[in-house]
Structure formats: C-alpha cells, structure tokens
Amino acid sequence: SSQCAPVGIILAVDPDRFAEVVEALRGAGLTVTGEQPSLGTLSGTV
C-alpha cells in the first residue's frame, strides 16, 4: 500500500488537445484536482 500511495503531480500537456489528453490521463489513473486549459497545465494525484 505504501508503494502505491497517491502523490501530487503537475502536468504540461498540448493545449490544443487539452480535453482529449486529460481524458486519456484519467484513463491512465490520474485524479484531476485542477485545470488550466489555456496554459496546457493541470494538477492531480496518482
């Protein structure tokens, strides 16, 4: 359980494909906690 403890992360993604990339990240296990689509950044835990 300690090996899989959630950690906070910040991601930079392609702002032109923001929604598509965020959806793929959620599918890969990311829990999104904040989004800035115009900057192409988001934060979350995983």
ModelCIF file with pLDDT and N, C-alpha, C, O atoms, coordinates in Angstrom:
data_MODEL
#
_entry.id   MODEL 
#
_entity.id                         1 
_entity.type                       polymer 
_entity.pdbx_number_of_molecules   1 
#
_entity_poly.entity_id                      1 
_entity_poly.type                           'polypeptide(L)' 
_entity_poly.nstd_linkage                   no 
_entity_poly.nstd_monomer                   no 
_entity_poly.pdbx_seq_one_letter_code       SSQCAPVGIILAVDPDRFAEVVEALRGAGLTVTGEQPSLGTLSGTV 
_entity_poly.pdbx_seq_one_letter_code_can   SSQCAPVGIILAVDPDRFAEVVEALRGAGLTVTGEQPSLGTLSGTV 
_entity_poly.pdbx_strand_id                 A 
#
loop_
_entity_poly_seq.entity_id 
_entity_poly_seq.num 
_entity_poly_seq.mon_id 
_entity_poly_seq.hetero 
1 1  SER n 
1 2  SER n 
1 3  GLN n 
1 4  CYS n 
1 5  ALA n 
1 6  PRO n 
1 7  VAL n 
1 8  GLY n 
1 9  ILE n 
1 10 ILE n 
1 11 LEU n 
1 12 ALA n 
1 13 VAL n 
1 14 ASP n 
1 15 PRO n 
1 16 ASP n 
1 17 ARG n 
1 18 PHE n 
1 19 ALA n 
1 20 GLU n 
1 21 VAL n 
1 22 VAL n 
1 23 GLU n 
1 24 ALA n 
1 25 LEU n 
1 26 ARG n 
1 27 GLY n 
1 28 ALA n 
1 29 GLY n 
1 30 LEU n 
1 31 THR n 
1 32 VAL n 
1 33 THR n 
1 34 GLY n 
1 35 GLU n 
1 36 GLN n 
1 37 PRO n 
1 38 SER n 
1 39 LEU n 
1 40 GLY n 
1 41 THR n 
1 42 LEU n 
1 43 SER n 
1 44 GLY n 
1 45 THR n 
1 46 VAL n 
#
_struct_asym.id          A 
_struct_asym.entity_id   1 
#
loop_
_ma_qa_metric.id 
_ma_qa_metric.mode 
_ma_qa_metric.name 
_ma_qa_metric.software_group_id 
_ma_qa_metric.type 
1 global pLDDT . pLDDT 
2 local  pLDDT . pLDDT 
#
_ma_qa_metric_global.metric_id      1 
_ma_qa_metric_global.metric_value   92.00 
_ma_qa_metric_global.model_id       1 
_ma_qa_metric_global.ordinal_id     1 
#
loop_
_ma_qa_metric_local.label_asym_id 
_ma_qa_metric_local.label_comp_id 
_ma_qa_metric_local.label_seq_id 
_ma_qa_metric_local.metric_id 
_ma_qa_metric_local.metric_value 
_ma_qa_metric_local.model_id 
_ma_qa_metric_local.ordinal_id 
A SER 1  2 42.00 1 1  
A SER 2  2 42.00 1 2  
A GLN 3  2 57.00 1 3  
A CYS 4  2 70.00 1 4  
A ALA 5  2 80.00 1 5  
A PRO 6  2 91.00 1 6  
A VAL 7  2 93.00 1 7  
A GLY 8  2 95.00 1 8  
A ILE 9  2 96.00 1 9  
A ILE 10 2 95.00 1 10 
A LEU 11 2 97.00 1 11 
A ALA 12 2 97.00 1 12 
A VAL 13 2 97.00 1 13 
A ASP 14 2 97.00 1 14 
A PRO 15 2 96.00 1 15 
A ASP 16 2 97.00 1 16 
A ARG 17 2 97.00 1 17 
A PHE 18 2 97.00 1 18 
A ALA 19 2 97.00 1 19 
A GLU 20 2 97.00 1 20 
A VAL 21 2 97.00 1 21 
A VAL 22 2 97.00 1 22 
A GLU 23 2 97.00 1 23 
A ALA 24 2 98.00 1 24 
A LEU 25 2 98.00 1 25 
A ARG 26 2 97.00 1 26 
A GLY 27 2 96.00 1 27 
A ALA 28 2 96.00 1 28 
A GLY 29 2 95.00 1 29 
A LEU 30 2 97.00 1 30 
A THR 31 2 97.00 1 31 
A VAL 32 2 97.00 1 32 
A THR 33 2 96.00 1 33 
A GLY 34 2 95.00 1 34 
A GLU 35 2 96.00 1 35 
A GLN 36 2 96.00 1 36 
A PRO 37 2 96.00 1 37 
A SER 38 2 94.00 1 38 
A LEU 39 2 95.00 1 39 
A GLY 40 2 96.00 1 40 
A THR 41 2 96.00 1 41 
A LEU 42 2 96.00 1 42 
A SER 43 2 96.00 1 43 
A GLY 44 2 96.00 1 44 
A THR 45 2 96.00 1 45 
A VAL 46 2 96.00 1 46 
#
loop_
_atom_site.group_PDB 
_atom_site.id 
_atom_site.type_symbol 
_atom_site.label_atom_id 
_atom_site.label_alt_id 
_atom_site.label_comp_id 
_atom_site.label_asym_id 
_atom_site.label_entity_id 
_atom_site.label_seq_id 
_atom_site.pdbx_PDB_ins_code 
_atom_site.Cartn_x 
_atom_site.Cartn_y 
_atom_site.Cartn_z 
_atom_site.occupancy 
_atom_site.B_iso_or_equiv 
_atom_site.pdbx_formal_charge 
_atom_site.auth_seq_id 
_atom_site.auth_comp_id 
_atom_site.auth_asym_id 
_atom_site.auth_atom_id 
_atom_site.pdbx_PDB_model_num 
ATOM 1   N N  . SER A 1 1  ? 0.815  -1.208 0.000   1.00 42.00 ? 1  SER A N  1 
ATOM 2   C CA . SER A 1 1  ? 0.000  0.000  0.000   1.00 42.00 ? 1  SER A CA 1 
ATOM 3   C C  . SER A 1 1  ? 0.850  1.259  0.000   1.00 42.00 ? 1  SER A C  1 
ATOM 4   O O  . SER A 1 1  ? 0.441  2.262  -0.584  1.00 42.00 ? 1  SER A O  1 
ATOM 5   N N  . SER A 1 2  ? 2.030  1.244  0.641   1.00 42.00 ? 2  SER A N  1 
ATOM 6   C CA . SER A 1 2  ? 2.869  2.436  0.639   1.00 42.00 ? 2  SER A CA 1 
ATOM 7   C C  . SER A 1 2  ? 3.532  2.646  -0.720  1.00 42.00 ? 2  SER A C  1 
ATOM 8   O O  . SER A 1 2  ? 3.854  3.781  -1.071  1.00 42.00 ? 2  SER A O  1 
ATOM 9   N N  . GLN A 1 3  ? 3.743  1.577  -1.493  1.00 57.00 ? 3  GLN A N  1 
ATOM 10  C CA . GLN A 1 3  ? 4.329  1.709  -2.816  1.00 57.00 ? 3  GLN A CA 1 
ATOM 11  C C  . GLN A 1 3  ? 3.360  2.400  -3.773  1.00 57.00 ? 3  GLN A C  1 
ATOM 12  O O  . GLN A 1 3  ? 3.794  3.021  -4.744  1.00 57.00 ? 3  GLN A O  1 
ATOM 13  N N  . CYS A 1 4  ? 2.078  2.303  -3.517  1.00 70.00 ? 4  CYS A N  1 
ATOM 14  C CA . CYS A 1 4  ? 1.082  2.860  -4.426  1.00 70.00 ? 4  CYS A CA 1 
ATOM 15  C C  . CYS A 1 4  ? 0.374  4.063  -3.822  1.00 70.00 ? 4  CYS A C  1 
ATOM 16  O O  . CYS A 1 4  ? -0.721 4.415  -4.260  1.00 70.00 ? 4  CYS A O  1 
ATOM 17  N N  . ALA A 1 5  ? 0.974  4.696  -2.831  1.00 80.00 ? 5  ALA A N  1 
ATOM 18  C CA . ALA A 1 5  ? 0.361  5.864  -2.203  1.00 80.00 ? 5  ALA A CA 1 
ATOM 19  C C  . ALA A 1 5  ? 0.235  6.981  -3.232  1.00 80.00 ? 5  ALA A C  1 
ATOM 20  O O  . ALA A 1 5  ? 1.151  7.191  -4.028  1.00 80.00 ? 5  ALA A O  1 
ATOM 21  N N  . PRO A 1 6  ? -0.893 7.703  -3.227  1.00 91.00 ? 6  PRO A N  1 
ATOM 22  C CA . PRO A 1 6  ? -1.051 8.792  -4.195  1.00 91.00 ? 6  PRO A CA 1 
ATOM 23  C C  . PRO A 1 6  ? -0.066 9.926  -3.939  1.00 91.00 ? 6  PRO A C  1 
ATOM 24  O O  . PRO A 1 6  ? 0.228  10.273 -2.796  1.00 91.00 ? 6  PRO A O  1 
ATOM 25  N N  . VAL A 1 7  ? 0.428  10.487 -5.022  1.00 93.00 ? 7  VAL A N  1 
ATOM 26  C CA . VAL A 1 7  ? 1.323  11.634 -4.953  1.00 93.00 ? 7  VAL A CA 1 
ATOM 27  C C  . VAL A 1 7  ? 0.733  12.755 -5.801  1.00 93.00 ? 7  VAL A C  1 
ATOM 28  O O  . VAL A 1 7  ? 0.021  12.504 -6.774  1.00 93.00 ? 7  VAL A O  1 
ATOM 29  N N  . GLY A 1 8  ? 1.039  13.998 -5.418  1.00 95.00 ? 8  GLY A N  1 
ATOM 30  C CA . GLY A 1 8  ? 0.592  15.142 -6.192  1.00 95.00 ? 8  GLY A CA 1 
ATOM 31  C C  . GLY A 1 8  ? 1.537  15.389 -7.353  1.00 95.00 ? 8  GLY A C  1 
ATOM 32  O O  . GLY A 1 8  ? 2.757  15.349 -7.193  1.00 95.00 ? 8  GLY A O  1 
ATOM 33  N N  . ILE A 1 9  ? 0.962  15.647 -8.532  1.00 96.00 ? 9  ILE A N  1 
ATOM 34  C CA . ILE A 1 9  ? 1.786  15.915 -9.702  1.00 96.00 ? 9  ILE A CA 1 
ATOM 35  C C  . ILE A 1 9  ? 1.214  17.101 -10.477 1.00 96.00 ? 9  ILE A C  1 
ATOM 36  O O  . ILE A 1 9  ? 0.041  17.450 -10.344 1.00 96.00 ? 9  ILE A O  1 
ATOM 37  N N  . ILE A 1 10 ? 2.069  17.702 -11.280 1.00 95.00 ? 10 ILE A N  1 
ATOM 38  C CA . ILE A 1 10 ? 1.700  18.785 -12.185 1.00 95.00 ? 10 ILE A CA 1 
ATOM 39  C C  . ILE A 1 10 ? 2.121  18.336 -13.576 1.00 95.00 ? 10 ILE A C  1 
ATOM 40  O O  . ILE A 1 10 ? 3.239  17.862 -13.775 1.00 95.00 ? 10 ILE A O  1 
ATOM 41  N N  . LEU A 1 11 ? 1.217  18.490 -14.534 1.00 97.00 ? 11 LEU A N  1 
ATOM 42  C CA . LEU A 1 11 ? 1.491  18.051 -15.896 1.00 97.00 ? 11 LEU A CA 1 
ATOM 43  C C  . LEU A 1 11 ? 1.378  19.205 -16.867 1.00 97.00 ? 11 LEU A C  1 
ATOM 44  O O  . LEU A 1 11 ? 0.525  20.079 -16.711 1.00 97.00 ? 11 LEU A O  1 
ATOM 45  N N  . ALA A 1 12 ? 2.241  19.208 -17.871 1.00 97.00 ? 12 ALA A N  1 
ATOM 46  C CA . ALA A 1 12 ? 2.129  20.114 -19.010 1.00 97.00 ? 12 ALA A CA 1 
ATOM 47  C C  . ALA A 1 12 ? 1.693  19.260 -20.187 1.00 97.00 ? 12 ALA A C  1 
ATOM 48  O O  . ALA A 1 12 ? 2.294  18.225 -20.475 1.00 97.00 ? 12 ALA A O  1 
ATOM 49  N N  . VAL A 1 13 ? 0.638  19.703 -20.867 1.00 97.00 ? 13 VAL A N  1 
ATOM 50  C CA . VAL A 1 13 ? 0.099  18.939 -21.993 1.00 97.00 ? 13 VAL A CA 1 
ATOM 51  C C  . VAL A 1 13 ? -0.120 19.872 -23.180 1.00 97.00 ? 13 VAL A C  1 
ATOM 52  O O  . VAL A 1 13 ? -0.084 21.095 -23.040 1.00 97.00 ? 13 VAL A O  1 
ATOM 53  N N  . ASP A 1 14 ? -0.345 19.281 -24.338 1.00 97.00 ? 14 ASP A N  1 
ATOM 54  C CA . ASP A 1 14 ? -0.628 20.044 -25.550 1.00 97.00 ? 14 ASP A CA 1 
ATOM 55  C C  . ASP A 1 14 ? -1.938 20.812 -25.359 1.00 97.00 ? 14 ASP A C  1 
ATOM 56  O O  . ASP A 1 14 ? -2.999 20.194 -25.273 1.00 97.00 ? 14 ASP A O  1 
ATOM 57  N N  . PRO A 1 15 ? -1.886 22.149 -25.292 1.00 96.00 ? 15 PRO A N  1 
ATOM 58  C CA . PRO A 1 15 ? -3.104 22.918 -25.036 1.00 96.00 ? 15 PRO A CA 1 
ATOM 59  C C  . PRO A 1 15 ? -4.137 22.803 -26.152 1.00 96.00 ? 15 PRO A C  1 
ATOM 60  O O  . PRO A 1 15 ? -5.327 22.999 -25.905 1.00 96.00 ? 15 PRO A O  1 
ATOM 61  N N  . ASP A 1 16 ? -3.708 22.489 -27.372 1.00 97.00 ? 16 ASP A N  1 
ATOM 62  C CA . ASP A 1 16 ? -4.644 22.342 -28.481 1.00 97.00 ? 16 ASP A CA 1 
ATOM 63  C C  . ASP A 1 16 ? -5.458 21.057 -28.403 1.00 97.00 ? 16 ASP A C  1 
ATOM 64  O O  . ASP A 1 16 ? -6.489 20.924 -29.063 1.00 97.00 ? 16 ASP A O  1 
ATOM 65  N N  . ARG A 1 17 ? -4.988 20.112 -27.593 1.00 97.00 ? 17 ARG A N  1 
ATOM 66  C CA . ARG A 1 17 ? -5.678 18.821 -27.432 1.00 97.00 ? 17 ARG A CA 1 
ATOM 67  C C  . ARG A 1 17 ? -6.014 18.575 -25.967 1.00 97.00 ? 17 ARG A C  1 
ATOM 68  O O  . ARG A 1 17 ? -6.139 17.426 -25.543 1.00 97.00 ? 17 ARG A O  1 
ATOM 69  N N  . PHE A 1 18 ? -6.162 19.646 -25.192 1.00 97.00 ? 18 PHE A N  1 
ATOM 70  C CA . PHE A 1 18 ? -6.277 19.557 -23.742 1.00 97.00 ? 18 PHE A CA 1 
ATOM 71  C C  . PHE A 1 18 ? -7.325 18.543 -23.290 1.00 97.00 ? 18 PHE A C  1 
ATOM 72  O O  . PHE A 1 18 ? -7.006 17.633 -22.525 1.00 97.00 ? 18 PHE A O  1 
ATOM 73  N N  . ALA A 1 19 ? -8.561 18.682 -23.746 1.00 97.00 ? 19 ALA A N  1 
ATOM 74  C CA . ALA A 1 19 ? -9.649 17.800 -23.285 1.00 97.00 ? 19 ALA A CA 1 
ATOM 75  C C  . ALA A 1 19 ? -9.354 16.341 -23.605 1.00 97.00 ? 19 ALA A C  1 
ATOM 76  O O  . ALA A 1 19 ? -9.579 15.462 -22.773 1.00 97.00 ? 19 ALA A O  1 
ATOM 77  N N  . GLU A 1 20 ? -8.854 16.086 -24.796 1.00 97.00 ? 20 GLU A N  1 
ATOM 78  C CA . GLU A 1 20 ? -8.533 14.723 -25.220 1.00 97.00 ? 20 GLU A CA 1 
ATOM 79  C C  . GLU A 1 20 ? -7.434 14.115 -24.342 1.00 97.00 ? 20 GLU A C  1 
ATOM 80  O O  . GLU A 1 20 ? -7.533 12.966 -23.912 1.00 97.00 ? 20 GLU A O  1 
ATOM 81  N N  . VAL A 1 21 ? -6.394 14.900 -24.087 1.00 97.00 ? 21 VAL A N  1 
ATOM 82  C CA . VAL A 1 21 ? -5.262 14.416 -23.293 1.00 97.00 ? 21 VAL A CA 1 
ATOM 83  C C  . VAL A 1 21 ? -5.690 14.189 -21.842 1.00 97.00 ? 21 VAL A C  1 
ATOM 84  O O  . VAL A 1 21 ? -5.311 13.186 -21.237 1.00 97.00 ? 21 VAL A O  1 
ATOM 85  N N  . VAL A 1 22 ? -6.475 15.109 -21.281 1.00 97.00 ? 22 VAL A N  1 
ATOM 86  C CA . VAL A 1 22 ? -6.942 14.952 -19.892 1.00 97.00 ? 22 VAL A CA 1 
ATOM 87  C C  . VAL A 1 22 ? -7.774 13.683 -19.767 1.00 97.00 ? 22 VAL A C  1 
ATOM 88  O O  . VAL A 1 22 ? -7.637 12.950 -18.788 1.00 97.00 ? 22 VAL A O  1 
ATOM 89  N N  . GLU A 1 23 ? -8.630 13.415 -20.740 1.00 97.00 ? 23 GLU A N  1 
ATOM 90  C CA . GLU A 1 23 ? -9.442 12.190 -20.691 1.00 97.00 ? 23 GLU A CA 1 
ATOM 91  C C  . GLU A 1 23 ? -8.553 10.944 -20.716 1.00 97.00 ? 23 GLU A C  1 
ATOM 92  O O  . GLU A 1 23 ? -8.815 9.985  -19.989 1.00 97.00 ? 23 GLU A O  1 
ATOM 93  N N  . ALA A 1 24 ? -7.511 10.948 -21.542 1.00 98.00 ? 24 ALA A N  1 
ATOM 94  C CA . ALA A 1 24 ? -6.573 9.820  -21.594 1.00 98.00 ? 24 ALA A CA 1 
ATOM 95  C C  . ALA A 1 24 ? -5.820 9.677  -20.271 1.00 98.00 ? 24 ALA A C  1 
ATOM 96  O O  . ALA A 1 24 ? -5.573 8.561  -19.814 1.00 98.00 ? 24 ALA A O  1 
ATOM 97  N N  . LEU A 1 25 ? -5.456 10.805 -19.658 1.00 98.00 ? 25 LEU A N  1 
ATOM 98  C CA . LEU A 1 25 ? -4.761 10.756 -18.365 1.00 98.00 ? 25 LEU A CA 1 
ATOM 99  C C  . LEU A 1 25 ? -5.666 10.173 -17.287 1.00 98.00 ? 25 LEU A C  1 
ATOM 100 O O  . LEU A 1 25 ? -5.215 9.381  -16.460 1.00 98.00 ? 25 LEU A O  1 
ATOM 101 N N  . ARG A 1 26 ? -6.933 10.558 -17.292 1.00 97.00 ? 26 ARG A N  1 
ATOM 102 C CA . ARG A 1 26 ? -7.876 9.974  -16.329 1.00 97.00 ? 26 ARG A CA 1 
ATOM 103 C C  . ARG A 1 26 ? -7.953 8.465  -16.523 1.00 97.00 ? 26 ARG A C  1 
ATOM 104 O O  . ARG A 1 26 ? -7.999 7.711  -15.551 1.00 97.00 ? 26 ARG A O  1 
ATOM 105 N N  . GLY A 1 27 ? -7.967 8.027  -17.771 1.00 96.00 ? 27 GLY A N  1 
ATOM 106 C CA . GLY A 1 27 ? -7.988 6.594  -18.066 1.00 96.00 ? 27 GLY A CA 1 
ATOM 107 C C  . GLY A 1 27 ? -6.739 5.878  -17.593 1.00 96.00 ? 27 GLY A C  1 
ATOM 108 O O  . GLY A 1 27 ? -6.770 4.676  -17.333 1.00 96.00 ? 27 GLY A O  1 
ATOM 109 N N  . ALA A 1 28 ? -5.637 6.612  -17.481 1.00 96.00 ? 28 ALA A N  1 
ATOM 110 C CA . ALA A 1 28 ? -4.371 6.032  -17.021 1.00 96.00 ? 28 ALA A CA 1 
ATOM 111 C C  . ALA A 1 28 ? -4.223 6.103  -15.504 1.00 96.00 ? 28 ALA A C  1 
ATOM 112 O O  . ALA A 1 28 ? -3.198 5.695  -14.959 1.00 96.00 ? 28 ALA A O  1 
ATOM 113 N N  . GLY A 1 29 ? -5.259 6.626  -14.814 1.00 95.00 ? 29 GLY A N  1 
ATOM 114 C CA . GLY A 1 29 ? -5.240 6.609  -13.352 1.00 95.00 ? 29 GLY A CA 1 
ATOM 115 C C  . GLY A 1 29 ? -5.136 7.944  -12.658 1.00 95.00 ? 29 GLY A C  1 
ATOM 116 O O  . GLY A 1 29 ? -5.075 7.982  -11.430 1.00 95.00 ? 29 GLY A O  1 
ATOM 117 N N  . LEU A 1 30 ? -5.113 9.054  -13.396 1.00 97.00 ? 30 LEU A N  1 
ATOM 118 C CA . LEU A 1 30 ? -4.978 10.372 -12.785 1.00 97.00 ? 30 LEU A CA 1 
ATOM 119 C C  . LEU A 1 30 ? -6.313 10.865 -12.233 1.00 97.00 ? 30 LEU A C  1 
ATOM 120 O O  . LEU A 1 30 ? -7.345 10.773 -12.898 1.00 97.00 ? 30 LEU A O  1 
ATOM 121 N N  . THR A 1 31 ? -6.278 11.386 -11.012 1.00 97.00 ? 31 THR A N  1 
ATOM 122 C CA . THR A 1 31 ? -7.411 12.114 -10.439 1.00 97.00 ? 31 THR A CA 1 
ATOM 123 C C  . THR A 1 31 ? -7.078 13.586 -10.579 1.00 97.00 ? 31 THR A C  1 
ATOM 124 O O  . THR A 1 31 ? -6.158 14.080 -9.926  1.00 97.00 ? 31 THR A O  1 
ATOM 125 N N  . VAL A 1 32 ? -7.815 14.291 -11.422 1.00 97.00 ? 32 VAL A N  1 
ATOM 126 C CA . VAL A 1 32 ? -7.539 15.697 -11.703 1.00 97.00 ? 32 VAL A CA 1 
ATOM 127 C C  . VAL A 1 32 ? -8.039 16.558 -10.549 1.00 97.00 ? 32 VAL A C  1 
ATOM 128 O O  . VAL A 1 32 ? -9.175 16.413 -10.099 1.00 97.00 ? 32 VAL A O  1 
ATOM 129 N N  . THR A 1 33 ? -7.177 17.457 -10.077 1.00 96.00 ? 33 THR A N  1 
ATOM 130 C CA . THR A 1 33 ? -7.554 18.372 -8.990  1.00 96.00 ? 33 THR A CA 1 
ATOM 131 C C  . THR A 1 33 ? -7.580 19.829 -9.439  1.00 96.00 ? 33 THR A C  1 
ATOM 132 O O  . THR A 1 33 ? -8.133 20.677 -8.738  1.00 96.00 ? 33 THR A O  1 
ATOM 133 N N  . GLY A 1 34 ? -6.996 20.132 -10.590 1.00 95.00 ? 34 GLY A N  1 
ATOM 134 C CA . GLY A 1 34 ? -7.006 21.497 -11.102 1.00 95.00 ? 34 GLY A CA 1 
ATOM 135 C C  . GLY A 1 34 ? -6.641 21.520 -12.570 1.00 95.00 ? 34 GLY A C  1 
ATOM 136 O O  . GLY A 1 34 ? -5.803 20.738 -13.020 1.00 95.00 ? 34 GLY A O  1 
ATOM 137 N N  . GLU A 1 35 ? -7.274 22.424 -13.324 1.00 96.00 ? 35 GLU A N  1 
ATOM 138 C CA . GLU A 1 35 ? -7.022 22.520 -14.761 1.00 96.00 ? 35 GLU A CA 1 
ATOM 139 C C  . GLU A 1 35 ? -6.818 23.972 -15.176 1.00 96.00 ? 35 GLU A C  1 
ATOM 140 O O  . GLU A 1 35 ? -7.496 24.869 -14.674 1.00 96.00 ? 35 GLU A O  1 
ATOM 141 N N  . GLN A 1 36 ? -5.887 24.198 -16.089 1.00 96.00 ? 36 GLN A N  1 
ATOM 142 C CA . GLN A 1 36 ? -5.680 25.493 -16.733 1.00 96.00 ? 36 GLN A CA 1 
ATOM 143 C C  . GLN A 1 36 ? -5.526 25.226 -18.232 1.00 96.00 ? 36 GLN A C  1 
ATOM 144 O O  . GLN A 1 36 ? -4.413 25.227 -18.758 1.00 96.00 ? 36 GLN A O  1 
ATOM 145 N N  . PRO A 1 37 ? -6.656 24.998 -18.915 1.00 96.00 ? 37 PRO A N  1 
ATOM 146 C CA . PRO A 1 37 ? -6.599 24.604 -20.334 1.00 96.00 ? 37 PRO A CA 1 
ATOM 147 C C  . PRO A 1 37 ? -5.844 25.583 -21.225 1.00 96.00 ? 37 PRO A C  1 
ATOM 148 O O  . PRO A 1 37 ? -5.116 25.149 -22.118 1.00 96.00 ? 37 PRO A O  1 
ATOM 149 N N  . SER A 1 38 ? -5.994 26.887 -21.013 1.00 94.00 ? 38 SER A N  1 
ATOM 150 C CA . SER A 1 38 ? -5.326 27.846 -21.896 1.00 94.00 ? 38 SER A CA 1 
ATOM 151 C C  . SER A 1 38 ? -3.806 27.791 -21.757 1.00 94.00 ? 38 SER A C  1 
ATOM 152 O O  . SER A 1 38 ? -3.082 28.154 -22.684 1.00 94.00 ? 38 SER A O  1 
ATOM 153 N N  . LEU A 1 39 ? -3.321 27.337 -20.597 1.00 95.00 ? 39 LEU A N  1 
ATOM 154 C CA . LEU A 1 39 ? -1.877 27.195 -20.380 1.00 95.00 ? 39 LEU A CA 1 
ATOM 155 C C  . LEU A 1 39 ? -1.380 25.780 -20.662 1.00 95.00 ? 39 LEU A C  1 
ATOM 156 O O  . LEU A 1 39 ? -0.175 25.542 -20.737 1.00 95.00 ? 39 LEU A O  1 
ATOM 157 N N  . GLY A 1 40 ? -2.313 24.844 -20.818 1.00 96.00 ? 40 GLY A N  1 
ATOM 158 C CA . GLY A 1 40 ? -1.918 23.461 -21.045 1.00 96.00 ? 40 GLY A CA 1 
ATOM 159 C C  . GLY A 1 40 ? -1.332 22.811 -19.806 1.00 96.00 ? 40 GLY A C  1 
ATOM 160 O O  . GLY A 1 40 ? -0.442 21.966 -19.905 1.00 96.00 ? 40 GLY A O  1 
ATOM 161 N N  . THR A 1 41 ? -1.834 23.205 -18.626 1.00 96.00 ? 41 THR A N  1 
ATOM 162 C CA . THR A 1 41 ? -1.343 22.594 -17.383 1.00 96.00 ? 41 THR A CA 1 
ATOM 163 C C  . THR A 1 41 ? -2.502 22.064 -16.559 1.00 96.00 ? 41 THR A C  1 
ATOM 164 O O  . THR A 1 41 ? -3.624 22.567 -16.628 1.00 96.00 ? 41 THR A O  1 
ATOM 165 N N  . LEU A 1 42 ? -2.207 21.047 -15.787 1.00 96.00 ? 42 LEU A N  1 
ATOM 166 C CA . LEU A 1 42 ? -3.173 20.517 -14.846 1.00 96.00 ? 42 LEU A CA 1 
ATOM 167 C C  . LEU A 1 42 ? -2.441 19.886 -13.679 1.00 96.00 ? 42 LEU A C  1 
ATOM 168 O O  . LEU A 1 42 ? -1.262 19.543 -13.770 1.00 96.00 ? 42 LEU A O  1 
ATOM 169 N N  . SER A 1 43 ? -3.163 19.742 -12.586 1.00 96.00 ? 43 SER A N  1 
ATOM 170 C CA . SER A 1 43 ? -2.598 19.094 -11.410 1.00 96.00 ? 43 SER A CA 1 
ATOM 171 C C  . SER A 1 43 ? -3.516 17.955 -11.025 1.00 96.00 ? 43 SER A C  1 
ATOM 172 O O  . SER A 1 43 ? -4.689 17.920 -11.398 1.00 96.00 ? 43 SER A O  1 
ATOM 173 N N  . GLY A 1 44 ? -2.960 17.032 -10.275 1.00 96.00 ? 44 GLY A N  1 
ATOM 174 C CA . GLY A 1 44 ? -3.757 15.895 -9.852  1.00 96.00 ? 44 GLY A CA 1 
ATOM 175 C C  . GLY A 1 44 ? -2.985 14.988 -8.925  1.00 96.00 ? 44 GLY A C  1 
ATOM 176 O O  . GLY A 1 44 ? -1.863 15.281 -8.514  1.00 96.00 ? 44 GLY A O  1 
ATOM 177 N N  . THR A 1 45 ? -3.617 13.884 -8.612  1.00 96.00 ? 45 THR A N  1 
ATOM 178 C CA . THR A 1 45 ? -2.977 12.857 -7.794  1.00 96.00 ? 45 THR A CA 1 
ATOM 179 C C  . THR A 1 45 ? -3.059 11.527 -8.539  1.00 96.00 ? 45 THR A C  1 
ATOM 180 O O  . THR A 1 45 ? -3.986 11.272 -9.307  1.00 96.00 ? 45 THR A O  1 
ATOM 181 N N  . VAL A 1 46 ? -2.061 10.699 -8.285  1.00 96.00 ? 46 VAL A N  1 
ATOM 182 C CA . VAL A 1 46 ? -1.985 9.400  -8.933  1.00 96.00 ? 46 VAL A CA 1 
ATOM 183 C C  . VAL A 1 46 ? -1.122 8.492  -8.066  1.00 96.00 ? 46 VAL A C  1 
ATOM 184 O O  . VAL A 1 46 ? -0.910 7.329  -8.410  1.00 96.00 ? 46 VAL A O  1 
#
